[in-house]
């Protein structure tokens, strides 16, 4: 499984070779993918972190949008009671 070791060490040619093997549908590609695939318990914390990051990003952009719209809307406060 030299290909797995090269992929895990970040060799771009090995990753390209794996992509080609997956596209061709070889049995070796299935074996390599099974060997490097993380088990489900490791995916759950990563999923939770991604959801938390998405929530924080949505909160920040919503706040920034509200500030921008609030700055763009002009209020008319001249003391006559109309706003």
PDB file of N, CA and C in Angstrom:
ATOM      1  N   UNK A   1       0.819  -1.182   0.000  1.00  0.00           N
ATOM      2  CA  UNK A   1       0.000   0.000   0.000  1.00  0.00           C
ATOM      3  C   UNK A   1       0.872   1.258   0.000  1.00  0.00           C
ATOM      4  N   UNK A   2       1.782   1.296  -0.902  1.00  0.00           N
ATOM      5  CA  UNK A   2       2.658   2.456  -1.044  1.00  0.00           C
ATOM      6  C   UNK A   2       1.850   3.702  -1.405  1.00  0.00           C
ATOM      7  N   UNK A   3       0.777   3.517  -2.171  1.00  0.00           N
ATOM      8  CA  UNK A   3      -0.052   4.648  -2.584  1.00  0.00           C
ATOM      9  C   UNK A   3      -0.686   5.329  -1.373  1.00  0.00           C
ATOM     10  N   UNK A   4      -1.131   4.555  -0.403  1.00  0.00           N
ATOM     11  CA  UNK A   4      -1.744   5.120   0.802  1.00  0.00           C
ATOM     12  C   UNK A   4      -0.741   5.969   1.558  1.00  0.00           C
ATOM     13  N   UNK A   5       0.478   5.462   1.724  1.00  0.00           N
ATOM     14  CA  UNK A   5       1.505   6.215   2.437  1.00  0.00           C
ATOM     15  C   UNK A   5       1.829   7.511   1.709  1.00  0.00           C
ATOM     16  N   UNK A   6       1.912   7.462   0.409  1.00  0.00           N
ATOM     17  CA  UNK A   6       2.214   8.670  -0.357  1.00  0.00           C
ATOM     18  C   UNK A   6       1.081   9.685  -0.262  1.00  0.00           C
ATOM     19  N   UNK A   7      -0.167   9.212  -0.262  1.00  0.00           N
ATOM     20  CA  UNK A   7      -1.313  10.119  -0.132  1.00  0.00           C
ATOM     21  C   UNK A   7      -1.316  10.766   1.245  1.00  0.00           C
ATOM     22  N   UNK A   8      -1.062   9.965   2.292  1.00  0.00           N
ATOM     23  CA  UNK A   8      -1.067  10.495   3.651  1.00  0.00           C
ATOM     24  C   UNK A   8       0.078  11.467   3.903  1.00  0.00           C
ATOM     25  N   UNK A   9       1.142  11.357   3.121  1.00  0.00           N
ATOM     26  CA  UNK A   9       2.258  12.303   3.240  1.00  0.00           C
ATOM     27  C   UNK A   9       2.066  13.523   2.354  1.00  0.00           C
ATOM     28  N   UNK A  10       0.953  13.591   1.621  1.00  0.00           N
ATOM     29  CA  UNK A  10       0.625  14.781   0.849  1.00  0.00           C
ATOM     30  C   UNK A  10       1.189  14.816  -0.559  1.00  0.00           C
ATOM     31  N   UNK A  11       1.496  13.676  -1.137  1.00  0.00           N
ATOM     32  CA  UNK A  11       2.022  13.638  -2.504  1.00  0.00           C
ATOM     33  C   UNK A  11       0.895  13.929  -3.495  1.00  0.00           C
ATOM     34  N   UNK A  12       0.980  15.037  -4.246  1.00  0.00           N
ATOM     35  CA  UNK A  12      -0.105  15.368  -5.170  1.00  0.00           C
ATOM     36  C   UNK A  12      -0.233  14.373  -6.328  1.00  0.00           C
ATOM     37  N   UNK A  13       0.874  13.770  -6.745  1.00  0.00           N
ATOM     38  CA  UNK A  13       0.791  12.773  -7.830  1.00  0.00           C
ATOM     39  C   UNK A  13       0.045  11.523  -7.370  1.00  0.00           C
ATOM     40  N   UNK A  14       0.240  11.146  -6.117  1.00  0.00           N
ATOM     41  CA  UNK A  14      -0.470   9.982  -5.585  1.00  0.00           C
ATOM     42  C   UNK A  14      -1.969  10.283  -5.488  1.00  0.00           C
ATOM     43  N   UNK A  15      -2.311  11.503  -5.074  1.00  0.00           N
ATOM     44  CA  UNK A  15      -3.728  11.882  -5.006  1.00  0.00           C
ATOM     45  C   UNK A  15      -4.340  11.885  -6.402  1.00  0.00           C
ATOM     46  N   UNK A  16      -3.600  12.389  -7.384  1.00  0.00           N
ATOM     47  CA  UNK A  16      -4.098  12.391  -8.760  1.00  0.00           C
ATOM     48  C   UNK A  16      -4.280  10.957  -9.270  1.00  0.00           C
ATOM     49  N   UNK A  17      -3.358  10.079  -8.898  1.00  0.00           N
ATOM     50  CA  UNK A  17      -3.466   8.673  -9.307  1.00  0.00           C
ATOM     51  C   UNK A  17      -4.712   8.037  -8.682  1.00  0.00           C
ATOM     52  N   UNK A  18      -4.980   8.351  -7.421  1.00  0.00           N
ATOM     53  CA  UNK A  18      -6.164   7.803  -6.762  1.00  0.00           C
ATOM     54  C   UNK A  18      -7.437   8.311  -7.425  1.00  0.00           C
ATOM     55  N   UNK A  19      -7.463   9.591  -7.779  1.00  0.00           N
ATOM     56  CA  UNK A  19      -8.636  10.148  -8.459  1.00  0.00           C
ATOM     57  C   UNK A  19      -8.873   9.440  -9.786  1.00  0.00           C
ATOM     58  N   UNK A  20      -7.791   9.192 -10.520  1.00  0.00           N
ATOM     59  CA  UNK A  20      -7.913   8.468 -11.788  1.00  0.00           C
ATOM     60  C   UNK A  20      -8.443   7.052 -11.564  1.00  0.00           C
ATOM     61  N   UNK A  21      -7.940   6.405 -10.510  1.00  0.00           N
ATOM     62  CA  UNK A  21      -8.395   5.044 -10.213  1.00  0.00           C
ATOM     63  C   UNK A  21      -9.879   5.035  -9.835  1.00  0.00           C
ATOM     64  N   UNK A  22     -10.319   6.025  -9.088  1.00  0.00           N
ATOM     65  CA  UNK A  22     -11.731   6.107  -8.703  1.00  0.00           C
ATOM     66  C   UNK A  22     -12.591   6.338  -9.937  1.00  0.00           C
ATOM     67  N   UNK A  23     -12.131   7.228 -10.826  1.00  0.00           N
ATOM     68  CA  UNK A  23     -12.890   7.483 -12.050  1.00  0.00           C
ATOM     69  C   UNK A  23     -13.008   6.234 -12.908  1.00  0.00           C
ATOM     70  N   UNK A  24     -11.959   5.411 -12.927  1.00  0.00           N
ATOM     71  CA  UNK A  24     -11.987   4.183 -13.716  1.00  0.00           C
ATOM     72  C   UNK A  24     -12.741   3.060 -13.016  1.00  0.00           C
ATOM     73  N   UNK A  25     -13.008   3.221 -11.720  1.00  0.00           N
ATOM     74  CA  UNK A  25     -13.782   2.228 -10.982  1.00  0.00           C
ATOM     75  C   UNK A  25     -13.021   0.967 -10.658  1.00  0.00           C
ATOM     76  N   UNK A  26     -11.728   1.074 -10.387  1.00  0.00           N
ATOM     77  CA  UNK A  26     -10.935  -0.118 -10.087  1.00  0.00           C
ATOM     78  C   UNK A  26     -11.175  -0.574  -8.653  1.00  0.00           C
ATOM     79  N   UNK A  27     -10.948  -1.871  -8.436  1.00  0.00           N
ATOM     80  CA  UNK A  27     -11.120  -2.436  -7.094  1.00  0.00           C
ATOM     81  C   UNK A  27     -10.040  -1.923  -6.156  1.00  0.00           C
ATOM     82  N   UNK A  28      -8.862  -1.630  -6.691  1.00  0.00           N
ATOM     83  CA  UNK A  28      -7.781  -1.094  -5.860  1.00  0.00           C
ATOM     84  C   UNK A  28      -8.156   0.271  -5.276  1.00  0.00           C
ATOM     85  N   UNK A  29      -8.900   1.065  -6.037  1.00  0.00           N
ATOM     86  CA  UNK A  29      -9.339   2.372  -5.546  1.00  0.00           C
ATOM     87  C   UNK A  29     -10.256   2.216  -4.348  1.00  0.00           C
ATOM     88  N   UNK A  30     -11.127   1.236  -4.397  1.00  0.00           N
ATOM     89  CA  UNK A  30     -12.038   0.989  -3.269  1.00  0.00           C
ATOM     90  C   UNK A  30     -11.242   0.596  -2.035  1.00  0.00           C
ATOM     91  N   UNK A  31     -10.226  -0.242  -2.220  1.00  0.00           N
ATOM     92  CA  UNK A  31      -9.404  -0.667  -1.090  1.00  0.00           C
ATOM     93  C   UNK A  31      -8.635   0.506  -0.491  1.00  0.00           C
ATOM     94  N   UNK A  32      -8.100   1.370  -1.330  1.00  0.00           N
ATOM     95  CA  UNK A  32      -7.354   2.532  -0.840  1.00  0.00           C
ATOM     96  C   UNK A  32      -8.288   3.484  -0.099  1.00  0.00           C
ATOM     97  N   UNK A  33      -9.469   3.734  -0.645  1.00  0.00           N
ATOM     98  CA  UNK A  33     -10.414   4.631   0.011  1.00  0.00           C
ATOM     99  C   UNK A  33     -10.863   4.078   1.362  1.00  0.00           C
ATOM    100  N   UNK A  34     -11.056   2.772   1.444  1.00  0.00           N
ATOM    101  CA  UNK A  34     -11.429   2.162   2.722  1.00  0.00           C
ATOM    102  C   UNK A  34     -10.298   2.283   3.733  1.00  0.00           C
ATOM    103  N   UNK A  35      -9.063   2.241   3.260  1.00  0.00           N
ATOM    104  CA  UNK A  35      -7.918   2.306   4.167  1.00  0.00           C
ATOM    105  C   UNK A  35      -7.697   3.710   4.718  1.00  0.00           C
ATOM    106  N   UNK A  36      -8.003   4.741   3.936  1.00  0.00           N
ATOM    107  CA  UNK A  36      -7.741   6.102   4.399  1.00  0.00           C
ATOM    108  C   UNK A  36      -8.987   6.800   4.941  1.00  0.00           C
ATOM    109  N   UNK A  37     -10.137   6.163   4.854  1.00  0.00           N
ATOM    110  CA  UNK A  37     -11.389   6.764   5.310  1.00  0.00           C
ATOM    111  C   UNK A  37     -11.432   6.764   6.824  1.00  0.00           C
ATOM    112  N   UNK A  38     -11.771   7.904   7.431  1.00  0.00           N
ATOM    113  CA  UNK A  38     -11.869   7.999   8.886  1.00  0.00           C
ATOM    114  C   UNK A  38     -13.137   7.319   9.378  1.00  0.00           C
ATOM    115  N   UNK A  39     -13.065   6.653  10.509  1.00  0.00           N
ATOM    116  CA  UNK A  39     -14.273   6.033  11.055  1.00  0.00           C
ATOM    117  C   UNK A  39     -15.291   7.089  11.503  1.00  0.00           C
ATOM    118  N   UNK A  40     -16.525   6.682  11.605  1.00  0.00           N
ATOM    119  CA  UNK A  40     -17.627   7.594  11.930  1.00  0.00           C
ATOM    120  C   UNK A  40     -17.432   8.367  13.230  1.00  0.00           C
ATOM    121  N   UNK A  41     -16.933   7.776  14.315  1.00  0.00           N
ATOM    122  CA  UNK A  41     -16.778   8.564  15.543  1.00  0.00           C
ATOM    123  C   UNK A  41     -15.862   9.779  15.372  1.00  0.00           C
ATOM    124  N   UNK A  42     -14.945   9.727  14.440  1.00  0.00           N
ATOM    125  CA  UNK A  42     -14.081  10.879  14.212  1.00  0.00           C
ATOM    126  C   UNK A  42     -14.776  11.943  13.376  1.00  0.00           C
ATOM    127  N   UNK A  43     -15.797  11.570  12.636  1.00  0.00           N
ATOM    128  CA  UNK A  43     -16.521  12.532  11.814  1.00  0.00           C
ATOM    129  C   UNK A  43     -17.475  13.388  12.639  1.00  0.00           C
ATOM    130  N   UNK A  44     -17.998  12.846  13.706  1.00  0.00           N
ATOM    131  CA  UNK A  44     -18.988  13.581  14.499  1.00  0.00           C
ATOM    132  C   UNK A  44     -18.415  14.854  15.125  1.00  0.00           C
ATOM    133  N   UNK A  45     -17.232  14.831  15.749  1.00  0.00           N
ATOM    134  CA  UNK A  45     -16.684  16.090  16.268  1.00  0.00           C
ATOM    135  C   UNK A  45     -16.367  17.084  15.145  1.00  0.00           C
ATOM    136  N   UNK A  46     -15.922  16.587  14.012  1.00  0.00           N
ATOM    137  CA  UNK A  46     -15.635  17.473  12.888  1.00  0.00           C
ATOM    138  C   UNK A  46     -16.925  18.107  12.375  1.00  0.00           C
ATOM    139  N   UNK A  47     -18.005  17.348  12.345  1.00  0.00           N
ATOM    140  CA  UNK A  47     -19.301  17.871  11.926  1.00  0.00           C
ATOM    141  C   UNK A  47     -19.793  18.933  12.906  1.00  0.00           C
ATOM    142  N   UNK A  48     -19.649  18.660  14.195  1.00  0.00           N
ATOM    143  CA  UNK A  48     -20.072  19.630  15.201  1.00  0.00           C
ATOM    144  C   UNK A  48     -19.268  20.922  15.078  1.00  0.00           C
ATOM    145  N   UNK A  49     -17.977  20.802  14.845  1.00  0.00           N
ATOM    146  CA  UNK A  49     -17.139  21.995  14.691  1.00  0.00           C
ATOM    147  C   UNK A  49     -17.537  22.775  13.441  1.00  0.00           C
ATOM    148  N   UNK A  50     -17.851  22.089  12.366  1.00  0.00           N
ATOM    149  CA  UNK A  50     -18.265  22.762  11.134  1.00  0.00           C
ATOM    150  C   UNK A  50     -19.600  23.479  11.327  1.00  0.00           C
ATOM    151  N   UNK A  51     -20.531  22.854  12.029  1.00  0.00           N
ATOM    152  CA  UNK A  51     -21.813  23.502  12.305  1.00  0.00           C
ATOM    153  C   UNK A  51     -21.630  24.731  13.192  1.00  0.00           C
ATOM    154  N   UNK A  52     -20.765  24.615  14.192  1.00  0.00           N
ATOM    155  CA  UNK A  52     -20.486  25.756  15.064  1.00  0.00           C
ATOM    156  C   UNK A  52     -19.850  26.896  14.265  1.00  0.00           C
ATOM    157  N   UNK A  53     -18.901  26.557  13.397  1.00  0.00           N
ATOM    158  CA  UNK A  53     -18.269  27.581  12.559  1.00  0.00           C
ATOM    159  C   UNK A  53     -19.261  28.248  11.632  1.00  0.00           C
ATOM    160  N   UNK A  54     -20.179  27.484  11.085  1.00  0.00           N
ATOM    161  CA  UNK A  54     -21.215  28.053  10.226  1.00  0.00           C
ATOM    162  C   UNK A  54     -22.144  28.974  11.001  1.00  0.00           C
ATOM    163  N   UNK A  55     -22.474  28.597  12.238  1.00  0.00           N
ATOM    164  CA  UNK A  55     -23.319  29.447  13.077  1.00  0.00           C
ATOM    165  C   UNK A  55     -22.623  30.766  13.380  1.00  0.00           C
ATOM    166  N   UNK A  56     -21.349  30.701  13.737  1.00  0.00           N
ATOM    167  CA  UNK A  56     -20.598  31.924  14.042  1.00  0.00           C
ATOM    168  C   UNK A  56     -20.494  32.806  12.804  1.00  0.00           C
ATOM    169  N   UNK A  57     -20.240  32.220  11.669  1.00  0.00           N
ATOM    170  CA  UNK A  57     -20.142  32.987  10.423  1.00  0.00           C
ATOM    171  C   UNK A  57     -21.482  33.654  10.101  1.00  0.00           C
ATOM    172  N   UNK A  58     -22.582  32.936  10.246  1.00  0.00           N
ATOM    173  CA  UNK A  58     -23.900  33.522   9.987  1.00  0.00           C
ATOM    174  C   UNK A  58     -24.187  34.655  10.964  1.00  0.00           C
ATOM    175  N   UNK A  59     -23.816  34.497  12.218  1.00  0.00           N
ATOM    176  CA  UNK A  59     -24.025  35.536  13.220  1.00  0.00           C
ATOM    177  C   UNK A  59     -23.230  36.801  12.875  1.00  0.00           C
ATOM    178  N   UNK A  60     -21.985  36.628  12.481  1.00  0.00           N
ATOM    179  CA  UNK A  60     -21.143  37.778  12.133  1.00  0.00           C
ATOM    180  C   UNK A  60     -21.685  38.503  10.912  1.00  0.00           C
ATOM    181  N   UNK A  61     -22.026  37.777   9.865  1.00  0.00           N
ATOM    182  CA  UNK A  61     -22.523  38.433   8.655  1.00  0.00           C
ATOM    183  C   UNK A  61     -23.884  39.076   8.876  1.00  0.00           C
ATOM    184  N   UNK A  62     -24.727  38.479   9.716  1.00  0.00           N
ATOM    185  CA  UNK A  62     -26.009  39.095  10.031  1.00  0.00           C
ATOM    186  C   UNK A  62     -25.795  40.400  10.787  1.00  0.00           C
ATOM    187  N   UNK A  63     -24.884  40.386  11.732  1.00  0.00           N
ATOM    188  CA  UNK A  63     -24.578  41.600  12.493  1.00  0.00           C
ATOM    189  C   UNK A  63     -24.007  42.685  11.584  1.00  0.00           C
ATOM    190  N   UNK A  64     -23.070  42.310  10.728  1.00  0.00           N
ATOM    191  CA  UNK A  64     -22.486  43.291   9.815  1.00  0.00           C
ATOM    192  C   UNK A  64     -23.532  43.863   8.863  1.00  0.00           C
ATOM    193  N   UNK A  65     -24.441  43.025   8.391  1.00  0.00           N
ATOM    194  CA  UNK A  65     -25.504  43.498   7.509  1.00  0.00           C
ATOM    195  C   UNK A  65     -26.426  44.464   8.241  1.00  0.00           C
ATOM    196  N   UNK A  66     -26.763  44.147   9.474  1.00  0.00           N
ATOM    197  CA  UNK A  66     -27.628  45.034  10.261  1.00  0.00           C
ATOM    198  C   UNK A  66     -26.955  46.380  10.510  1.00  0.00           C
ATOM    199  N   UNK A  67     -25.673  46.372  10.778  1.00  0.00           N
ATOM    200  CA  UNK A  67     -24.942  47.622  10.988  1.00  0.00           C
ATOM    201  C   UNK A  67     -24.902  48.431   9.698  1.00  0.00           C
ATOM    202  N   UNK A  68     -24.657  47.763   8.581  1.00  0.00           N
ATOM    203  CA  UNK A  68     -24.608  48.459   7.290  1.00  0.00           C
ATOM    204  C   UNK A  68     -25.970  49.074   6.946  1.00  0.00           C
ATOM    205  N   UNK A  69     -27.030  48.300   7.107  1.00  0.00           N
ATOM    206  CA  UNK A  69     -28.371  48.814   6.800  1.00  0.00           C
ATOM    207  C   UNK A  69     -28.742  49.926   7.762  1.00  0.00           C
ATOM    208  N   UNK A  70     -28.392  49.768   9.024  1.00  0.00           N
ATOM    209  CA  UNK A  70     -28.669  50.808  10.008  1.00  0.00           C
ATOM    210  C   UNK A  70     -27.944  52.103   9.688  1.00  0.00           C
ATOM    211  N   UNK A  71     -26.741  52.008   9.151  1.00  0.00           N
ATOM    212  CA  UNK A  71     -26.009  53.195   8.761  1.00  0.00           C
ATOM    213  C   UNK A  71     -26.527  53.815   7.483  1.00  0.00           C
ATOM    214  N   UNK A  72     -27.110  52.998   6.627  1.00  0.00           N
ATOM    215  CA  UNK A  72     -27.610  53.500   5.349  1.00  0.00           C
ATOM    216  C   UNK A  72     -28.967  54.185   5.495  1.00  0.00           C
ATOM    217  N   UNK A  73     -29.739  53.765   6.481  1.00  0.00           N
ATOM    218  CA  UNK A  73     -31.060  54.354   6.697  1.00  0.00           C
ATOM    219  C   UNK A  73     -30.882  55.638   7.500  1.00  0.00           C
ATOM    220  N   UNK A  74     -31.372  56.707   6.958  1.00  0.00           N
ATOM    221  CA  UNK A  74     -31.250  57.987   7.652  1.00  0.00           C
ATOM    222  C   UNK A  74     -32.518  58.231   8.465  1.00  0.00           C
ATOM    223  N   UNK A  75     -32.320  58.674   9.687  1.00  0.00           N
ATOM    224  CA  UNK A  75     -33.473  59.014  10.517  1.00  0.00           C
ATOM    225  C   UNK A  75     -33.621  60.517  10.537  1.00  0.00           C
ATOM    226  N   UNK A  76     -34.847  60.942  10.660  1.00  0.00           N
ATOM    227  CA  UNK A  76     -35.140  62.368  10.664  1.00  0.00           C
ATOM    228  C   UNK A  76     -35.601  62.733  12.068  1.00  0.00           C
ATOM    229  N   UNK A  77     -34.694  63.231  12.865  1.00  0.00           N
ATOM    230  CA  UNK A  77     -35.010  63.594  14.248  1.00  0.00           C
ATOM    231  C   UNK A  77     -34.776  65.099  14.423  1.00  0.00           C
ATOM    232  N   UNK A  78     -35.766  65.890  14.128  1.00  0.00           N
ATOM    233  CA  UNK A  78     -35.615  67.332  14.282  1.00  0.00           C
ATOM    234  C   UNK A  78     -36.438  67.868  15.453  1.00  0.00           C
ATOM    235  N   UNK A  79     -37.029  66.978  16.215  1.00  0.00           N
ATOM    236  CA  UNK A  79     -37.723  67.401  17.406  1.00  0.00           C
ATOM    237  C   UNK A  79     -39.183  67.764  17.208  1.00  0.00           C
ATOM    238  N   UNK A  80     -39.766  67.544  16.034  1.00  0.00           N
ATOM    239  CA  UNK A  80     -41.165  67.903  15.817  1.00  0.00           C
ATOM    240  C   UNK A  80     -42.123  66.753  16.091  1.00  0.00           C
ATOM    241  N   UNK A  81     -41.611  65.618  16.578  1.00  0.00           N
ATOM    242  CA  UNK A  81     -42.487  64.520  16.950  1.00  0.00           C
ATOM    243  C   UNK A  81     -42.856  63.599  15.802  1.00  0.00           C
ATOM    244  N   UNK A  82     -42.242  63.758  14.636  1.00  0.00           N
ATOM    245  CA  UNK A  82     -42.565  62.890  13.498  1.00  0.00           C
ATOM    246  C   UNK A  82     -41.460  61.875  13.223  1.00  0.00           C
ATOM    247  N   UNK A  83     -40.736  61.468  14.186  1.00  0.00           N
ATOM    248  CA  UNK A  83     -39.782  60.431  13.911  1.00  0.00           C
ATOM    249  C   UNK A  83     -38.463  60.736  14.378  1.00  0.00           C
TER     250      UNK A  83
END
